[in-house]
PDB file of N, CA and C in Angstrom:
ATOM      1  N   MET A   1      -3.776   1.004 -18.578  1.00  0.00           N
ATOM      2  CA  MET A   1      -3.090   1.947 -17.952  1.00  0.00           C
ATOM      3  C   MET A   1      -2.950   1.625 -16.332  1.00  0.00           C
ATOM      4  N   ALA A   2      -1.770   1.636 -15.899  1.00  0.00           N
ATOM      5  CA  ALA A   2      -1.167   1.330 -14.676  1.00  0.00           C
ATOM      6  C   ALA A   2      -2.054   2.113 -13.582  1.00  0.00           C
ATOM      7  N   ALA A   3      -2.321   1.612 -12.575  1.00  0.00           N
ATOM      8  CA  ALA A   3      -2.998   1.942 -11.402  1.00  0.00           C
ATOM      9  C   ALA A   3      -2.115   1.748  -9.849  1.00  0.00           C
ATOM     10  N   TYR A   4      -2.139   2.942  -9.099  1.00  0.00           N
ATOM     11  CA  TYR A   4      -1.649   3.116  -7.975  1.00  0.00           C
ATOM     12  C   TYR A   4      -2.061   2.779  -6.490  1.00  0.00           C
ATOM     13  N   VAL A   5      -1.666   2.339  -5.704  1.00  0.00           N
ATOM     14  CA  VAL A   5      -2.387   2.336  -4.565  1.00  0.00           C
ATOM     15  C   VAL A   5      -1.367   2.904  -3.618  1.00  0.00           C
ATOM     16  N   ILE A   6      -1.907   3.948  -2.665  1.00  0.00           N
ATOM     17  CA  ILE A   6      -1.146   4.917  -1.843  1.00  0.00           C
ATOM     18  C   ILE A   6      -1.835   4.441  -0.575  1.00  0.00           C
ATOM     19  N   ALA A   7      -0.533   4.164   0.325  1.00  0.00           N
ATOM     20  CA  ALA A   7      -0.880   4.055   1.809  1.00  0.00           C
ATOM     21  C   ALA A   7      -0.449   5.182   2.739  1.00  0.00           C
ATOM     22  N   GLU A   8      -0.691   5.742   3.739  1.00  0.00           N
ATOM     23  CA  GLU A   8      -0.338   6.690   4.546  1.00  0.00           C
ATOM     24  C   GLU A   8      -0.373   5.632   5.816  1.00  0.00           C
ATOM     25  N   ILE A   9       0.388   5.320   6.307  1.00  0.00           N
ATOM     26  CA  ILE A   9       0.406   4.747   7.877  1.00  0.00           C
ATOM     27  C   ILE A   9       1.227   4.973   8.742  1.00  0.00           C
ATOM     28  N   THR A  10       0.542   4.988  10.096  1.00  0.00           N
ATOM     29  CA  THR A  10       1.204   4.790  11.163  1.00  0.00           C
ATOM     30  C   THR A  10       1.081   3.719  12.070  1.00  0.00           C
ATOM     31  N   VAL A  11       2.576   2.978  11.985  1.00  0.00           N
ATOM     32  CA  VAL A  11       2.520   1.738  12.649  1.00  0.00           C
ATOM     33  C   VAL A  11       2.435   2.083  14.397  1.00  0.00           C
ATOM     34  N   THR A  12       1.689   1.088  14.938  1.00  0.00           N
ATOM     35  CA  THR A  12       1.386   1.282  16.549  1.00  0.00           C
ATOM     36  C   THR A  12       2.047   0.139  17.183  1.00  0.00           C
ATOM     37  N   ASP A  13       2.112  -0.890  16.482  1.00  0.00           N
ATOM     38  CA  ASP A  13       2.796  -2.353  16.750  1.00  0.00           C
ATOM     39  C   ASP A  13       4.090  -2.556  15.947  1.00  0.00           C
ATOM     40  N   ALA A  14       5.443  -2.124  16.040  1.00  0.00           N
ATOM     41  CA  ALA A  14       5.879  -2.437  15.214  1.00  0.00           C
ATOM     42  C   ALA A  14       6.614  -3.952  14.979  1.00  0.00           C
ATOM     43  N   GLU A  15       6.300  -4.330  16.097  1.00  0.00           N
ATOM     44  CA  GLU A  15       6.902  -6.045  16.020  1.00  0.00           C
ATOM     45  C   GLU A  15       5.737  -6.895  15.183  1.00  0.00           C
ATOM     46  N   GLY A  16       4.298  -6.429  15.569  1.00  0.00           N
ATOM     47  CA  GLY A  16       3.179  -7.139  14.715  1.00  0.00           C
ATOM     48  C   GLY A  16       2.886  -6.883  13.419  1.00  0.00           C
ATOM     49  N   TYR A  17       3.601  -5.381  12.954  1.00  0.00           N
ATOM     50  CA  TYR A  17       3.474  -4.978  11.556  1.00  0.00           C
ATOM     51  C   TYR A  17       4.389  -5.718  10.859  1.00  0.00           C
ATOM     52  N   GLU A  18       5.627  -6.224  11.211  1.00  0.00           N
ATOM     53  CA  GLU A  18       6.337  -7.265  10.496  1.00  0.00           C
ATOM     54  C   GLU A  18       5.733  -8.424   9.760  1.00  0.00           C
ATOM     55  N   SER A  19       4.784  -8.901  10.727  1.00  0.00           N
ATOM     56  CA  SER A  19       4.299 -10.016   9.789  1.00  0.00           C
ATOM     57  C   SER A  19       3.223  -9.617   8.740  1.00  0.00           C
ATOM     58  N   TYR A  20       2.812  -8.556   8.857  1.00  0.00           N
ATOM     59  CA  TYR A  20       1.606  -8.007   7.984  1.00  0.00           C
ATOM     60  C   TYR A  20       2.538  -7.675   6.606  1.00  0.00           C
ATOM     61  N   LYS A  21       3.737  -7.236   7.079  1.00  0.00           N
ATOM     62  CA  LYS A  21       4.621  -6.830   5.686  1.00  0.00           C
ATOM     63  C   LYS A  21       5.010  -7.945   5.034  1.00  0.00           C
ATOM     64  N   LEU A  22       5.365  -9.306   5.941  1.00  0.00           N
ATOM     65  CA  LEU A  22       5.558 -10.290   4.882  1.00  0.00           C
ATOM     66  C   LEU A  22       4.523 -11.001   4.203  1.00  0.00           C
ATOM     67  N   LEU A  23       3.161 -10.706   4.838  1.00  0.00           N
ATOM     68  CA  LEU A  23       2.206 -11.331   4.347  1.00  0.00           C
ATOM     69  C   LEU A  23       1.689 -10.408   3.099  1.00  0.00           C
ATOM     70  N   ALA A  24       1.945  -9.310   3.112  1.00  0.00           N
ATOM     71  CA  ALA A  24       1.319  -7.983   1.907  1.00  0.00           C
ATOM     72  C   ALA A  24       2.350  -8.384   0.853  1.00  0.00           C
ATOM     73  N   GLU A  25       3.957  -8.231   0.826  1.00  0.00           N
ATOM     74  CA  GLU A  25       4.279  -8.521  -0.049  1.00  0.00           C
ATOM     75  C   GLU A  25       4.085  -9.582  -0.724  1.00  0.00           C
ATOM     76  N   GLU A  26       3.722 -11.028  -0.428  1.00  0.00           N
ATOM     77  CA  GLU A  26       3.682 -12.162  -0.962  1.00  0.00           C
ATOM     78  C   GLU A  26       2.300 -11.871  -1.864  1.00  0.00           C
ATOM     79  N   SER A  27       1.287 -11.216  -1.511  1.00  0.00           N
ATOM     80  CA  SER A  27       0.390 -11.060  -2.020  1.00  0.00           C
ATOM     81  C   SER A  27       0.614 -10.334  -3.061  1.00  0.00           C
ATOM     82  N   ILE A  28       0.833  -8.980  -3.111  1.00  0.00           N
ATOM     83  CA  ILE A  28       1.362  -8.091  -3.886  1.00  0.00           C
ATOM     84  C   ILE A  28       2.065  -8.479  -5.239  1.00  0.00           C
ATOM     85  N   HIS A  29       3.039  -9.068  -4.958  1.00  0.00           N
ATOM     86  CA  HIS A  29       3.872  -9.718  -6.076  1.00  0.00           C
ATOM     87  C   HIS A  29       2.819 -10.967  -6.988  1.00  0.00           C
ATOM     88  N   ALA A  30       2.123 -11.650  -6.002  1.00  0.00           N
ATOM     89  CA  ALA A  30       1.025 -12.902  -6.568  1.00  0.00           C
ATOM     90  C   ALA A  30       0.038 -12.204  -7.675  1.00  0.00           C
ATOM     91  N   HIS A  31      -0.107 -11.052  -7.341  1.00  0.00           N
ATOM     92  CA  HIS A  31      -1.141 -10.084  -8.136  1.00  0.00           C
ATOM     93  C   HIS A  31      -0.616  -8.976  -9.045  1.00  0.00           C
ATOM     94  N   GLY A  32       0.960  -9.538  -9.410  1.00  0.00           N
ATOM     95  CA  GLY A  32       1.225  -8.551 -10.696  1.00  0.00           C
ATOM     96  C   GLY A  32       1.565  -7.360 -10.179  1.00  0.00           C
ATOM     97  N   GLY A  33       1.610  -6.539  -8.699  1.00  0.00           N
ATOM     98  CA  GLY A  33       1.701  -5.567  -8.137  1.00  0.00           C
ATOM     99  C   GLY A  33       3.326  -5.491  -8.057  1.00  0.00           C
ATOM    100  N   ARG A  34       3.922  -3.949  -7.622  1.00  0.00           N
ATOM    101  CA  ARG A  34       5.068  -4.000  -7.286  1.00  0.00           C
ATOM    102  C   ARG A  34       5.224  -2.632  -6.121  1.00  0.00           C
ATOM    103  N   TYR A  35       6.246  -2.689  -5.426  1.00  0.00           N
ATOM    104  CA  TYR A  35       6.507  -1.480  -4.365  1.00  0.00           C
ATOM    105  C   TYR A  35       7.239  -0.307  -5.460  1.00  0.00           C
ATOM    106  N   LEU A  36       6.874   0.813  -5.362  1.00  0.00           N
ATOM    107  CA  LEU A  36       7.348   2.158  -6.067  1.00  0.00           C
ATOM    108  C   LEU A  36       8.246   2.885  -4.499  1.00  0.00           C
ATOM    109  N   VAL A  37       7.344   2.808  -3.648  1.00  0.00           N
ATOM    110  CA  VAL A  37       7.801   3.613  -2.199  1.00  0.00           C
ATOM    111  C   VAL A  37       7.310   2.608  -1.202  1.00  0.00           C
ATOM    112  N   ARG A  38       8.514   2.369  -0.301  1.00  0.00           N
ATOM    113  CA  ARG A  38       8.227   1.421   1.021  1.00  0.00           C
ATOM    114  C   ARG A  38       8.636   2.065   2.011  1.00  0.00           C
ATOM    115  N   GLY A  39       8.495   2.662   2.895  1.00  0.00           N
ATOM    116  CA  GLY A  39       8.695   3.602   4.198  1.00  0.00           C
ATOM    117  C   GLY A  39       9.859   4.909   3.461  1.00  0.00           C
ATOM    118  N   GLY A  40      10.837   4.764   4.279  1.00  0.00           N
ATOM    119  CA  GLY A  40      11.729   5.905   4.072  1.00  0.00           C
ATOM    120  C   GLY A  40      11.237   7.223   4.621  1.00  0.00           C
ATOM    121  N   THR A  41      12.083   7.934   4.230  1.00  0.00           N
ATOM    122  CA  THR A  41      12.134   9.451   4.663  1.00  0.00           C
ATOM    123  C   THR A  41      10.731  10.162   4.071  1.00  0.00           C
ATOM    124  N   VAL A  42      10.008  10.752   4.766  1.00  0.00           N
ATOM    125  CA  VAL A  42       9.004  11.457   4.425  1.00  0.00           C
ATOM    126  C   VAL A  42       9.138  12.971   4.707  1.00  0.00           C
ATOM    127  N   ASP A  43       8.834  14.208   3.621  1.00  0.00           N
ATOM    128  CA  ASP A  43       8.848  15.317   3.978  1.00  0.00           C
ATOM    129  C   ASP A  43       7.354  16.002   3.641  1.00  0.00           C
ATOM    130  N   SER A  44       6.916  16.644   4.507  1.00  0.00           N
ATOM    131  CA  SER A  44       5.773  17.150   4.450  1.00  0.00           C
ATOM    132  C   SER A  44       5.895  18.533   3.868  1.00  0.00           C
ATOM    133  N   LEU A  45       5.648  18.653   2.404  1.00  0.00           N
ATOM    134  CA  LEU A  45       6.175  20.061   1.907  1.00  0.00           C
ATOM    135  C   LEU A  45       4.785  20.969   1.951  1.00  0.00           C
ATOM    136  N   GLU A  46       3.412  20.653   2.016  1.00  0.00           N
ATOM    137  CA  GLU A  46       2.227  21.326   2.184  1.00  0.00           C
ATOM    138  C   GLU A  46       1.345  20.755   3.296  1.00  0.00           C
ATOM    139  N   GLY A  47       0.626  21.213   3.823  1.00  0.00           N
ATOM    140  CA  GLY A  47      -0.617  20.488   4.731  1.00  0.00           C
ATOM    141  C   GLY A  47      -0.095  19.853   5.882  1.00  0.00           C
ATOM    142  N   ALA A  48      -0.947  19.005   6.298  1.00  0.00           N
ATOM    143  CA  ALA A  48      -0.847  18.268   7.936  1.00  0.00           C
ATOM    144  C   ALA A  48       0.475  17.327   7.401  1.00  0.00           C
ATOM    145  N   PRO A  49       1.133  17.092   8.432  1.00  0.00           N
ATOM    146  CA  PRO A  49       2.101  16.162   8.243  1.00  0.00           C
ATOM    147  C   PRO A  49       1.614  14.549   7.886  1.00  0.00           C
ATOM    148  N   ALA A  50       2.378  14.183   7.074  1.00  0.00           N
ATOM    149  CA  ALA A  50       2.110  12.964   6.699  1.00  0.00           C
ATOM    150  C   ALA A  50       2.293  11.619   7.736  1.00  0.00           C
ATOM    151  N   GLY A  51       1.636  10.582   7.560  1.00  0.00           N
ATOM    152  CA  GLY A  51       1.725   9.201   8.468  1.00  0.00           C
ATOM    153  C   GLY A  51       3.261   9.071   8.396  1.00  0.00           C
ATOM    154  N   ALA A  52       3.423   8.002   9.430  1.00  0.00           N
ATOM    155  CA  ALA A  52       5.234   7.791   9.702  1.00  0.00           C
ATOM    156  C   ALA A  52       5.693   7.282   8.372  1.00  0.00           C
ATOM    157  N   ARG A  53       4.489   6.603   7.499  1.00  0.00           N
ATOM    158  CA  ARG A  53       5.081   5.453   6.677  1.00  0.00           C
ATOM    159  C   ARG A  53       4.134   5.618   5.509  1.00  0.00           C
ATOM    160  N   ILE A  54       5.032   5.770   4.041  1.00  0.00           N
ATOM    161  CA  ILE A  54       4.102   5.828   2.925  1.00  0.00           C
ATOM    162  C   ILE A  54       4.441   4.975   2.020  1.00  0.00           C
ATOM    163  N   VAL A  55       3.574   4.240   1.266  1.00  0.00           N
ATOM    164  CA  VAL A  55       3.974   3.012   0.436  1.00  0.00           C
ATOM    165  C   VAL A  55       3.114   3.329  -0.753  1.00  0.00           C
ATOM    166  N   VAL A  56       3.703   2.976  -1.765  1.00  0.00           N
ATOM    167  CA  VAL A  56       3.014   3.377  -3.450  1.00  0.00           C
ATOM    168  C   VAL A  56       3.449   1.935  -3.792  1.00  0.00           C
ATOM    169  N   LEU A  57       2.257   1.375  -4.546  1.00  0.00           N
ATOM    170  CA  LEU A  57       2.358   0.520  -5.085  1.00  0.00           C
ATOM    171  C   LEU A  57       1.797   0.581  -6.589  1.00  0.00           C
ATOM    172  N   GLU A  58       2.189  -0.072  -7.580  1.00  0.00           N
ATOM    173  CA  GLU A  58       1.693   0.089  -9.029  1.00  0.00           C
ATOM    174  C   GLU A  58       1.430  -1.496  -9.285  1.00  0.00           C
ATOM    175  N   PHE A  59       0.265  -1.702 -10.054  1.00  0.00           N
ATOM    176  CA  PHE A  59      -0.382  -2.653 -10.517  1.00  0.00           C
ATOM    177  C   PHE A  59      -0.638  -2.197 -11.927  1.00  0.00           C
ATOM    178  N   PRO A  60      -0.958  -3.401 -12.930  1.00  0.00           N
ATOM    179  CA  PRO A  60      -0.988  -3.257 -14.472  1.00  0.00           C
ATOM    180  C   PRO A  60      -2.233  -2.105 -14.575  1.00  0.00           C
ATOM    181  N   ASP A  61      -3.273  -2.120 -13.844  1.00  0.00           N
ATOM    182  CA  ASP A  61      -4.576  -1.546 -14.076  1.00  0.00           C
ATOM    183  C   ASP A  61      -5.388  -1.372 -12.921  1.00  0.00           C
ATOM    184  N   LEU A  62      -6.276  -0.703 -13.139  1.00  0.00           N
ATOM    185  CA  LEU A  62      -7.280  -0.494 -12.068  1.00  0.00           C
ATOM    186  C   LEU A  62      -7.860  -1.896 -11.479  1.00  0.00           C
ATOM    187  N   GLU A  63      -8.334  -2.840 -12.549  1.00  0.00           N
ATOM    188  CA  GLU A  63      -8.966  -4.013 -12.170  1.00  0.00           C
ATOM    189  C   GLU A  63      -8.252  -5.021 -11.397  1.00  0.00           C
ATOM    190  N   THR A  64      -7.005  -5.063 -11.818  1.00  0.00           N
ATOM    191  CA  THR A  64      -5.968  -5.998 -11.284  1.00  0.00           C
ATOM    192  C   THR A  64      -5.676  -5.274  -9.743  1.00  0.00           C
ATOM    193  N   ALA A  65      -5.611  -4.003  -9.562  1.00  0.00           N
ATOM    194  CA  ALA A  65      -5.446  -3.412  -8.181  1.00  0.00           C
ATOM    195  C   ALA A  65      -6.462  -3.780  -7.205  1.00  0.00           C
ATOM    196  N   ARG A  66      -8.088  -3.545  -7.916  1.00  0.00           N
ATOM    197  CA  ARG A  66      -9.132  -4.033  -6.764  1.00  0.00           C
ATOM    198  C   ARG A  66      -9.134  -5.581  -6.449  1.00  0.00           C
ATOM    199  N   SER A  67      -8.828  -6.289  -7.488  1.00  0.00           N
ATOM    200  CA  SER A  67      -8.677  -7.554  -7.472  1.00  0.00           C
ATOM    201  C   SER A  67      -7.843  -7.913  -6.099  1.00  0.00           C
ATOM    202  N   TRP A  68      -6.397  -7.572  -6.100  1.00  0.00           N
ATOM    203  CA  TRP A  68      -5.295  -7.623  -5.166  1.00  0.00           C
ATOM    204  C   TRP A  68      -6.142  -7.035  -3.738  1.00  0.00           C
ATOM    205  N   TYR A  69      -6.465  -6.258  -3.719  1.00  0.00           N
ATOM    206  CA  TYR A  69      -6.986  -5.520  -2.356  1.00  0.00           C
ATOM    207  C   TYR A  69      -8.179  -6.404  -1.984  1.00  0.00           C
ATOM    208  N   ARG A  70      -8.716  -7.280  -3.041  1.00  0.00           N
ATOM    209  CA  ARG A  70     -10.253  -7.515  -2.217  1.00  0.00           C
ATOM    210  C   ARG A  70      -9.997  -9.319  -2.186  1.00  0.00           C
ATOM    211  N   SER A  71      -8.626  -9.905  -2.359  1.00  0.00           N
ATOM    212  CA  SER A  71      -8.196 -10.981  -2.681  1.00  0.00           C
ATOM    213  C   SER A  71      -8.053 -11.502  -1.233  1.00  0.00           C
ATOM    214  N   ASP A  72      -8.410 -12.745  -0.870  1.00  0.00           N
ATOM    215  CA  ASP A  72      -8.530 -13.700   0.457  1.00  0.00           C
ATOM    216  C   ASP A  72      -7.013 -13.399   1.226  1.00  0.00           C
ATOM    217  N   ASP A  73      -5.702 -13.697   0.163  1.00  0.00           N
ATOM    218  CA  ASP A  73      -4.514 -13.349   0.694  1.00  0.00           C
ATOM    219  C   ASP A  73      -4.447 -12.279   1.179  1.00  0.00           C
ATOM    220  N   TYR A  74      -4.634 -10.962   0.589  1.00  0.00           N
ATOM    221  CA  TYR A  74      -4.518  -9.790   0.931  1.00  0.00           C
ATOM    222  C   TYR A  74      -5.107  -9.524   1.877  1.00  0.00           C
ATOM    223  N   GLN A  75      -6.368  -9.710   2.209  1.00  0.00           N
ATOM    224  CA  GLN A  75      -7.500  -9.415   3.341  1.00  0.00           C
ATOM    225  C   GLN A  75      -6.978  -9.938   4.405  1.00  0.00           C
ATOM    226  N   ALA A  76      -6.325 -11.337   4.266  1.00  0.00           N
ATOM    227  CA  ALA A  76      -5.444 -11.772   5.459  1.00  0.00           C
ATOM    228  C   ALA A  76      -4.531 -10.837   6.263  1.00  0.00           C
ATOM    229  N   ALA A  77      -3.673 -10.180   5.268  1.00  0.00           N
ATOM    230  CA  ALA A  77      -2.795  -9.195   5.629  1.00  0.00           C
ATOM    231  C   ALA A  77      -3.183  -8.100   6.008  1.00  0.00           C
ATOM    232  N   ALA A  78      -4.347  -7.578   5.465  1.00  0.00           N
ATOM    233  CA  ALA A  78      -5.001  -6.557   5.863  1.00  0.00           C
ATOM    234  C   ALA A  78      -5.423  -6.314   7.198  1.00  0.00           C
ATOM    235  N   ARG A  79      -6.134  -7.552   7.943  1.00  0.00           N
ATOM    236  CA  ARG A  79      -6.587  -7.915   9.100  1.00  0.00           C
ATOM    237  C   ARG A  79      -5.129  -7.489  10.356  1.00  0.00           C
ATOM    238  N   ALA A  80      -4.087  -8.076   9.623  1.00  0.00           N
ATOM    239  CA  ALA A  80      -2.886  -7.727  10.569  1.00  0.00           C
ATOM    240  C   ALA A  80      -2.138  -6.423  10.312  1.00  0.00           C
ATOM    241  N   ARG A  81      -2.597  -5.716   9.526  1.00  0.00           N
ATOM    242  CA  ARG A  81      -2.302  -3.965   9.254  1.00  0.00           C
ATOM    243  C   ARG A  81      -3.039  -3.561  10.356  1.00  0.00           C
ATOM    244  N   GLN A  82      -4.299  -3.726  10.075  1.00  0.00           N
ATOM    245  CA  GLN A  82      -5.729  -3.030  10.875  1.00  0.00           C
ATOM    246  C   GLN A  82      -5.556  -3.227  12.146  1.00  0.00           C
ATOM    247  N   VAL A  83      -4.671  -4.193  12.999  1.00  0.00           N
ATOM    248  CA  VAL A  83      -4.575  -4.279  14.216  1.00  0.00           C
ATOM    249  C   VAL A  83      -3.313  -3.818  14.922  1.00  0.00           C
ATOM    250  N   THR A  84      -2.170  -3.434  13.817  1.00  0.00           N
ATOM    251  CA  THR A  84      -0.975  -3.024  14.069  1.00  0.00           C
ATOM    252  C   THR A  84      -0.555  -1.593  13.724  1.00  0.00           C
ATOM    253  N   SER A  85      -1.642  -0.929  13.054  1.00  0.00           N
ATOM    254  CA  SER A  85      -1.202   0.415  12.457  1.00  0.00           C
ATOM    255  C   SER A  85      -2.708   1.035  12.148  1.00  0.00           C
ATOM    256  N   THR A  86      -2.556   2.508  12.054  1.00  0.00           N
ATOM    257  CA  THR A  86      -3.729   3.110  11.786  1.00  0.00           C
ATOM    258  C   THR A  86      -3.258   3.715  10.223  1.00  0.00           C
ATOM    259  N   GLY A  87      -4.210   4.542   9.315  1.00  0.00           N
ATOM    260  CA  GLY A  87      -3.770   4.932   8.630  1.00  0.00           C
ATOM    261  C   GLY A  87      -5.085   4.827   7.384  1.00  0.00           C
ATOM    262  N   ARG A  88      -4.341   5.290   6.108  1.00  0.00           N
ATOM    263  CA  ARG A  88      -5.440   5.360   4.790  1.00  0.00           C
ATOM    264  C   ARG A  88      -5.093   4.911   3.699  1.00  0.00           C
ATOM    265  N   LEU A  89      -5.625   4.062   2.740  1.00  0.00           N
ATOM    266  CA  LEU A  89      -5.256   3.711   1.577  1.00  0.00           C
ATOM    267  C   LEU A  89      -6.144   4.326   0.547  1.00  0.00           C
ATOM    268  N   PHE A  90      -5.376   4.499  -0.745  1.00  0.00           N
ATOM    269  CA  PHE A  90      -6.019   4.959  -1.779  1.00  0.00           C
ATOM    270  C   PHE A  90      -5.553   4.399  -3.109  1.00  0.00           C
ATOM    271  N   LEU A  91      -6.791   4.366  -4.083  1.00  0.00           N
ATOM    272  CA  LEU A  91      -6.519   3.939  -5.384  1.00  0.00           C
ATOM    273  C   LEU A  91      -6.289   4.878  -6.027  1.00  0.00           C
ATOM    274  N   ALA A  92      -5.545   4.768  -7.253  1.00  0.00           N
ATOM    275  CA  ALA A  92      -5.706   5.916  -8.372  1.00  0.00           C
ATOM    276  C   ALA A  92      -5.212   5.631  -9.658  1.00  0.00           C
ATOM    277  N   GLU A  93      -5.872   6.028 -10.492  1.00  0.00           N
ATOM    278  CA  GLU A  93      -5.604   5.378 -11.906  1.00  0.00           C
ATOM    279  C   GLU A  93      -4.312   6.421 -12.226  1.00  0.00           C
ATOM    280  N   GLY A  94      -3.368   6.022 -13.263  1.00  0.00           N
ATOM    281  CA  GLY A  94      -2.632   6.409 -13.393  1.00  0.00           C
ATOM    282  C   GLY A  94      -2.866   7.250 -15.040  1.00  0.00           C
ATOM    283  N   LEU A  95      -1.779   7.939 -15.797  1.00  0.00           N
ATOM    284  CA  LEU A  95      -2.016   8.518 -16.894  1.00  0.00           C
ATOM    285  C   LEU A  95      -1.720   7.780 -18.076  1.00  0.00           C
ATOM    286  N   SER A  96      -2.575   7.802 -18.928  1.00  0.00           N
ATOM    287  CA  SER A  96      -2.702   7.176 -19.953  1.00  0.00           C
ATOM    288  C   SER A  96      -1.366   7.328 -20.943  1.00  0.00           C
ATOM    289  N   THR A  97      -1.070   8.555 -20.913  1.00  0.00           N
ATOM    290  CA  THR A  97       0.635   8.338 -21.568  1.00  0.00           C
ATOM    291  C   THR A  97       1.309   9.237 -20.594  1.00  0.00           C
ATOM    292  N   PRO A  98       2.666   9.081 -20.423  1.00  0.00           N
ATOM    293  CA  PRO A  98       3.423   9.901 -19.637  1.00  0.00           C
ATOM    294  C   PRO A  98       3.576  11.318 -20.078  1.00  0.00           C
ATOM    295  N   GLY A  99       3.768  12.242 -19.071  1.00  0.00           N
ATOM    296  CA  GLY A  99       4.137  13.559 -19.617  1.00  0.00           C
ATOM    297  C   GLY A  99       2.935  14.254 -19.552  1.00  0.00           C
TER     298      GLY A  99
END
């Protein structure tokens, strides 16, 4: 069953964040993931406003998503993200059957 990584990010160093994006994209694809949402317009419908940037990644399953996050290639990217932005990341398991 698919798993999703959801990130709520506020970029604090736009130039530095560009290097993170390149590193992250390579690692995501190398681990079988894909972007479903990558930035774009965000409207808060309820609650506190979301971070300036929302990203949703899809992986085949929870273990693959965890393996990606813990991988050396993503951890190198994560260090770049952590010094160029603030935010939160979540891992959520998808439904076994749609609907």
